Amino acid sequence: MENMIRVASSEGIDIYCPADGKFSFFNSPYFAHRNFIGVDIYPNLGFGELAPSPVNGEVIGTREVGFFESRSFECSSKDYVILMKSLENKKRIIKIIHVKPIVEVGEKVIVGGELGPLIRSGFFDFWTEPHVHVEVKDPSNPFRARGGYKIRRVMQINENEMEGSIADGSLSGLVIESKSEYSLIALNNDLRHRLPVDLNGKVGFIDGGIPHYGFFGVHTNFTPEVGDPVKFLGGKIGSVISVFENMALCSMEKHNLTFKVNGKPVRLSLYLHPSKPKMKIVPYKIGQLNLQKFDKVSLTLR
């Protein structure tokens, strides 16, 4: 468990993230991420590297799923499910996806133990980074997308991270990594873990892919209310449509929202980070941004 941080929990089962990684409840278009029953753990590793287990469990089964004939990028023709009986709650099953298993049935795996290579799944889009998808399931229903138990965020957040320069519409930084698929920006603002938003006059932290998924999440240290407005970069970007404890699922504003970096339209891919956050910007087409390492960038909302 060295360098693994407890970030989420469900049914007495703890879920961990590497200290130099990131995690997300909402940055995906799939059912689990619209219903508080899935969390993605990004271990800051490349495709093909061995994924550390985010949970403690005993392997009870593996399965190949999906068959992907054509995508706009090179990807695996198959994905994989690893099923583990929790060592913390033996009445629950942990479902793990996007890892080609090297573990065998009957093997016990502790947090940080190697599960297998991270794959570039056909379920991904071109900008998706290697990650482990986690759900907590009933033994009678381990494979279906629906029917999982809700997962709560346990990593604490700090309202003092709210910066006035973000609230009034200014966000800038330096390119620290740039690929044709996306660029990572180190922000100038003194943010420790995530990007803050205004949630009905209070501080929340955004998690999701905007505006392309049509929804996003906001993390708080209070219970939001349905209908609460969300503002980011000086403009309203959405409203709360459902709540689970200290997390809110929000719909995007129906009018056309355009995020621009140095004047070019982009999409944002935002996460929670145990360490200092980076802003991920995604072009509408591969290679469209053409940013270079150490370029200075400014993000605006129009």
Protein backbone atom coordinates (compact mmCIF):
# COMPACT_ATOMS: atom_id res chain seq x y z
CA MET A 1 0.00 0.00 0.00
CA GLU A 2 3.03 2.26 -0.20
CA ASN A 3 2.21 5.51 -2.00
CA MET A 4 -1.49 4.51 -2.30
CA ILE A 5 -4.07 6.90 -0.87
CA ARG A 6 -7.61 5.98 0.21
CA VAL A 7 -9.95 8.07 -1.93
CA ALA A 8 -13.32 6.26 -2.02
CA SER A 9 -15.40 3.64 -0.26
CA SER A 10 -18.49 1.46 -0.81
CA GLU A 11 -20.13 -1.20 1.36
CA GLY A 12 -17.16 -1.19 3.74
CA ILE A 13 -14.69 -1.61 0.85
CA ASP A 14 -11.91 0.97 0.55
CA ILE A 15 -10.65 2.09 -2.87
CA TYR A 16 -7.16 3.55 -3.30
CA CYS A 17 -5.35 5.76 -5.81
CA PRO A 18 -1.59 6.19 -6.31
CA ALA A 19 -0.33 9.41 -4.74
CA ASP A 20 0.99 10.62 -8.09
CA GLY A 21 -2.14 9.57 -9.97
CA LYS A 22 -5.70 10.91 -10.22
CA PHE A 23 -9.25 9.62 -10.00
CA SER A 24 -12.70 10.44 -11.32
CA PHE A 25 -16.32 9.59 -10.61
CA PHE A 26 -17.80 11.45 -13.59
CA ASN A 27 -15.28 11.72 -16.44
CA SER A 28 -16.84 9.07 -18.69
CA PRO A 29 -20.03 8.82 -20.77
CA TYR A 30 -21.08 5.44 -19.38
CA PHE A 31 -23.94 4.52 -17.03
CA ALA A 32 -21.87 3.94 -13.89
CA HIS A 33 -20.46 7.46 -14.02
CA ARG A 34 -23.90 9.07 -14.20
CA ASN A 35 -25.16 7.14 -11.19
CA PHE A 36 -22.41 7.29 -8.53
CA ILE A 37 -21.59 3.56 -8.92
CA GLY A 38 -18.23 3.71 -10.70
CA VAL A 39 -14.86 5.30 -10.07
CA ASP A 40 -11.83 5.39 -12.39
CA ILE A 41 -8.32 5.22 -10.95
CA TYR A 42 -5.56 6.68 -13.16
CA PRO A 43 -2.19 5.41 -11.88
CA ASN A 44 0.08 7.72 -13.93
CA LEU A 45 1.37 4.81 -15.99
CA GLY A 46 1.51 4.08 -19.71
CA PHE A 47 -0.49 1.57 -21.70
CA GLY A 48 1.07 -1.85 -21.24
CA GLU A 49 2.45 -1.10 -17.79
CA LEU A 50 1.19 -3.15 -14.86
CA ALA A 51 -1.81 -1.70 -13.03
CA PRO A 52 -1.65 -1.58 -9.23
CA SER A 53 -4.75 -2.96 -7.55
CA PRO A 54 -6.94 -0.23 -6.01
CA VAL A 55 -8.56 -2.77 -3.63
CA ASN A 56 -7.93 -5.83 -1.48
CA GLY A 57 -9.58 -8.93 -2.89
CA GLU A 58 -9.47 -12.57 -3.96
CA VAL A 59 -9.77 -13.22 -7.70
CA ILE A 60 -12.88 -15.30 -8.43
CA GLY A 61 -13.11 -14.89 -12.21
CA THR A 62 -11.99 -13.12 -15.37
CA ARG A 63 -13.77 -12.55 -18.68
CA GLU A 64 -13.13 -11.06 -22.09
CA VAL A 65 -15.71 -8.45 -23.08
CA GLY A 66 -16.37 -6.35 -26.16
CA PHE A 67 -15.05 -6.62 -29.66
CA PHE A 68 -13.87 -3.42 -31.33
CA GLU A 69 -13.41 -3.57 -35.09
CA SER A 70 -12.72 0.05 -35.94
CA ARG A 71 -11.86 3.19 -33.99
CA SER A 72 -10.18 6.42 -34.97
CA PHE A 73 -7.08 5.30 -33.04
CA GLU A 74 -5.22 2.05 -32.44
CA CYS A 75 -6.76 0.09 -29.57
CA SER A 76 -7.15 -3.40 -28.16
CA SER A 77 -9.77 -5.54 -29.93
CA LYS A 78 -10.92 -6.79 -26.51
CA ASP A 79 -11.44 -5.54 -23.00
CA TYR A 80 -11.34 -7.59 -19.81
CA VAL A 81 -13.22 -7.91 -16.53
CA ILE A 82 -11.55 -9.06 -13.32
CA LEU A 83 -13.92 -10.12 -10.52
CA MET A 84 -12.63 -10.14 -6.95
CA LYS A 85 -14.29 -11.11 -3.70
CA SER A 86 -13.62 -8.29 -1.27
CA LEU A 87 -11.40 -9.16 1.68
CA GLU A 88 -13.16 -6.42 3.68
CA ASN A 89 -16.76 -7.42 2.91
CA LYS A 90 -17.03 -10.99 1.66
CA LYS A 91 -20.68 -10.46 0.67
CA ARG A 92 -19.59 -8.05 -2.09
CA ILE A 93 -17.79 -8.46 -5.42
CA ILE A 94 -15.39 -5.91 -6.92
CA LYS A 95 -15.54 -5.50 -10.68
CA ILE A 96 -12.42 -4.17 -12.41
CA ILE A 97 -12.20 -3.29 -16.13
CA HIS A 98 -9.50 -2.14 -18.62
CA VAL A 99 -6.73 -4.43 -17.33
CA LYS A 100 -5.57 -7.64 -19.07
CA PRO A 101 -5.29 -9.98 -16.11
CA ILE A 102 -2.12 -11.75 -15.07
CA VAL A 103 -3.76 -12.76 -11.78
CA GLU A 104 -5.41 -16.18 -11.48
CA VAL A 105 -8.58 -17.43 -9.82
CA GLY A 106 -7.95 -18.03 -6.12
CA GLU A 107 -5.12 -15.50 -5.93
CA LYS A 108 -5.36 -12.87 -3.20
CA VAL A 109 -4.29 -9.36 -4.21
CA ILE A 110 -3.62 -6.51 -1.81
CA VAL A 111 -3.76 -2.81 -2.58
CA GLY A 112 -0.84 -1.94 -4.86
CA GLY A 113 -0.38 -5.52 -6.06
CA GLU A 114 -0.01 -6.07 -9.81
CA LEU A 115 -3.21 -6.95 -11.70
CA GLY A 116 -1.95 -6.91 -15.28
CA PRO A 117 -1.16 -4.57 -18.18
CA LEU A 118 -3.28 -1.46 -18.69
CA ILE A 119 -4.97 -1.67 -22.09
CA ARG A 120 -6.14 0.97 -24.55
CA SER A 121 -9.72 -0.19 -24.71
CA GLY A 122 -12.17 0.32 -27.54
CA PHE A 123 -14.49 1.73 -24.87
CA PHE A 124 -12.09 4.71 -24.70
CA ASP A 125 -11.91 7.79 -26.86
CA PHE A 126 -8.68 9.05 -28.39
CA TRP A 127 -7.79 11.23 -25.40
CA THR A 128 -8.49 8.62 -22.67
CA GLU A 129 -5.48 7.81 -20.50
CA PRO A 130 -4.75 4.39 -18.94
CA HIS A 131 -6.97 3.70 -15.95
CA VAL A 132 -8.69 1.05 -13.83
CA HIS A 133 -12.48 1.18 -13.64
CA VAL A 134 -13.91 -0.02 -10.28
CA GLU A 135 -17.44 -1.01 -9.25
CA VAL A 136 -18.81 -2.78 -6.17
CA LYS A 137 -21.42 -5.43 -7.01
CA ASP A 138 -23.69 -8.07 -5.53
CA PRO A 139 -22.48 -11.65 -6.20
CA SER A 140 -25.72 -12.39 -8.05
CA ASN A 141 -25.11 -9.58 -10.54
CA PRO A 142 -21.36 -9.08 -11.08
CA PHE A 143 -21.12 -8.35 -14.82
CA ARG A 144 -24.03 -6.09 -15.77
CA ALA A 145 -23.46 -2.33 -16.03
CA ARG A 146 -26.49 -1.65 -13.83
CA GLY A 147 -27.05 -2.70 -10.26
CA GLY A 148 -23.82 -1.60 -8.55
CA TYR A 149 -23.58 -0.08 -5.08
CA LYS A 150 -23.00 3.64 -4.77
CA ILE A 151 -19.42 4.73 -4.12
CA ARG A 152 -18.68 7.66 -1.82
CA ARG A 153 -15.70 9.98 -1.99
CA VAL A 154 -13.67 9.90 1.22
CA MET A 155 -10.69 12.08 0.26
CA GLN A 156 -11.18 15.42 1.99
CA ILE A 157 -11.33 18.73 0.14
CA ASN A 158 -10.28 22.18 1.30
CA GLU A 159 -12.47 25.19 0.55
CA ASN A 160 -9.46 27.48 0.93
CA GLU A 161 -8.32 26.29 -2.51
CA MET A 162 -10.89 28.59 -4.15
CA GLU A 163 -9.01 31.31 -6.01
CA GLY A 164 -10.59 34.63 -6.93
CA SER A 165 -8.81 34.63 -10.28
CA ILE A 166 -10.73 31.50 -11.26
CA ALA A 167 -14.04 32.81 -10.00
CA ASP A 168 -13.74 35.98 -12.09
CA GLY A 169 -12.95 34.16 -15.34
CA SER A 170 -9.16 33.92 -15.60
CA LEU A 171 -7.20 30.68 -15.75
CA SER A 172 -3.69 30.31 -17.13
CA GLY A 173 -0.73 27.99 -17.02
CA LEU A 174 2.20 26.32 -18.74
CA VAL A 175 2.14 23.30 -21.04
CA ILE A 176 4.08 20.48 -19.36
CA GLU A 177 3.14 17.66 -21.73
CA SER A 178 1.72 17.80 -25.23
CA LYS A 179 0.55 15.04 -27.55
CA SER A 180 -1.60 15.12 -30.66
CA GLU A 181 -4.46 13.69 -28.52
CA TYR A 182 -4.28 16.13 -25.57
CA SER A 183 -2.12 18.54 -23.58
CA LEU A 184 -1.53 18.83 -19.84
CA ILE A 185 -1.32 22.26 -18.25
CA ALA A 186 0.35 23.15 -14.94
CA LEU A 187 -1.84 25.94 -13.59
CA ASN A 188 -0.42 29.19 -12.25
CA ASN A 189 -3.06 29.30 -9.52
CA ASP A 190 -2.13 27.82 -6.15
CA LEU A 191 -4.45 24.81 -6.35
CA ARG A 192 -3.63 21.68 -4.37
CA HIS A 193 -5.93 18.96 -5.68
CA ARG A 194 -8.58 20.13 -8.18
CA LEU A 195 -10.35 22.96 -10.02
CA PRO A 196 -12.90 24.92 -7.98
CA VAL A 197 -16.32 26.09 -9.14
CA ASP A 198 -19.07 28.21 -7.57
CA LEU A 199 -21.95 25.94 -6.50
CA ASN A 200 -24.82 28.26 -5.57
CA GLY A 201 -22.39 30.61 -3.82
CA LYS A 202 -20.36 27.86 -2.14
CA VAL A 203 -17.14 26.13 -3.14
CA GLY A 204 -17.21 22.90 -5.11
CA PHE A 205 -14.64 21.07 -7.26
CA ILE A 206 -15.36 19.95 -10.80
CA ASP A 207 -14.87 16.41 -12.12
CA GLY A 208 -15.76 15.40 -15.67
CA GLY A 209 -15.45 15.91 -19.40
CA ILE A 210 -16.96 19.21 -20.48
CA PRO A 211 -18.80 20.17 -22.54
CA HIS A 212 -18.71 16.96 -24.63
CA TYR A 213 -20.40 14.52 -22.22
CA GLY A 214 -23.29 16.85 -21.45
CA PHE A 215 -22.89 16.30 -17.71
CA PHE A 216 -20.22 16.63 -15.03
CA GLY A 217 -19.75 16.21 -11.29
CA VAL A 218 -19.04 18.60 -8.45
CA HIS A 219 -17.44 17.51 -5.17
CA THR A 220 -18.18 19.40 -1.95
CA ASN A 221 -17.89 19.08 1.82
CA PHE A 222 -21.64 19.76 2.20
CA THR A 223 -24.82 18.27 0.72
CA PRO A 224 -25.78 20.10 -2.50
CA GLU A 225 -29.40 20.55 -3.57
CA VAL A 226 -31.06 19.67 -6.86
CA GLY A 227 -31.37 22.79 -8.99
CA ASP A 228 -28.29 24.55 -7.56
CA PRO A 229 -26.48 26.50 -10.31
CA VAL A 230 -22.80 25.90 -11.09
CA LYS A 231 -20.49 28.68 -12.31
CA PHE A 232 -16.97 28.34 -13.70
CA LEU A 233 -14.70 30.95 -15.25
CA GLY A 234 -17.29 33.64 -14.60
CA GLY A 235 -20.22 31.92 -16.36
CA LYS A 236 -22.96 29.44 -15.54
CA ILE A 237 -22.10 26.02 -16.95
CA GLY A 238 -24.82 23.83 -15.46
CA SER A 239 -27.18 22.84 -12.65
CA VAL A 240 -27.38 20.01 -10.12
CA ILE A 241 -29.71 17.17 -11.20
CA SER A 242 -28.95 14.50 -8.56
CA VAL A 243 -27.00 14.21 -5.32
CA PHE A 244 -25.24 11.48 -3.35
CA GLU A 245 -23.82 12.69 -0.03
CA ASN A 246 -21.06 15.20 -0.88
CA MET A 247 -21.18 14.77 -4.67
CA ALA A 248 -23.50 16.29 -7.26
CA LEU A 249 -24.26 15.17 -10.81
CA CYS A 250 -24.84 18.25 -12.97
CA SER A 251 -26.26 18.79 -16.44
CA MET A 252 -24.48 21.14 -18.84
CA GLU A 253 -26.18 24.34 -19.89
CA LYS A 254 -28.21 23.78 -23.07
CA HIS A 255 -26.89 26.89 -24.80
CA ASN A 256 -23.61 26.63 -26.65
CA LEU A 257 -20.64 26.80 -24.27
CA THR A 258 -17.22 27.16 -25.84
CA PHE A 259 -13.98 26.80 -23.90
CA LYS A 260 -11.00 28.29 -25.68
CA VAL A 261 -7.27 27.99 -25.11
CA ASN A 262 -5.32 30.80 -26.72
CA GLY A 263 -8.39 31.45 -28.84
CA LYS A 264 -8.86 27.86 -30.10
CA PRO A 265 -11.94 25.79 -29.08
CA VAL A 266 -11.09 22.90 -26.74
CA ARG A 267 -12.70 20.36 -24.47
CA LEU A 268 -11.71 19.94 -20.82
CA SER A 269 -11.03 16.64 -19.11
CA LEU A 270 -10.95 17.22 -15.35
CA TYR A 271 -10.21 14.93 -12.40
CA LEU A 272 -9.44 14.87 -8.69
CA HIS A 273 -5.78 14.61 -7.71
CA PRO A 274 -4.17 13.47 -4.45
CA SER A 275 -1.34 15.86 -5.44
CA LYS A 276 -1.21 19.15 -7.35
CA PRO A 277 -3.68 19.08 -10.27
CA LYS A 278 -3.04 19.47 -13.96
CA MET A 279 -5.65 20.69 -16.42
CA LYS A 280 -6.15 18.40 -19.39
CA ILE A 281 -7.27 20.03 -22.63
CA VAL A 282 -8.51 18.02 -25.59
CA PRO A 283 -8.77 19.13 -29.22
CA TYR A 284 -11.91 18.50 -31.26
CA LYS A 285 -9.70 16.67 -33.75
CA ILE A 286 -6.40 14.88 -33.17
CA GLY A 287 -3.47 17.26 -33.76
CA GLN A 288 -5.63 20.37 -33.90
CA LEU A 289 -4.09 22.22 -30.93
CA ASN A 290 -0.41 21.96 -31.89
CA LEU A 291 0.83 23.14 -28.50
CA GLN A 292 4.47 22.78 -27.49
CA LYS A 293 5.99 22.03 -24.11
CA PHE A 294 6.49 25.22 -22.05
CA ASP A 295 3.97 27.20 -24.12
CA LYS A 296 1.97 29.66 -22.02
CA VAL A 297 -1.79 29.20 -22.33
CA SER A 298 -4.93 30.99 -21.15
CA LEU A 299 -8.36 29.36 -20.81
CA THR A 300 -11.57 31.34 -21.36
CA LEU A 301 -15.29 30.54 -21.51
CA ARG A 302 -17.48 32.08 -24.22
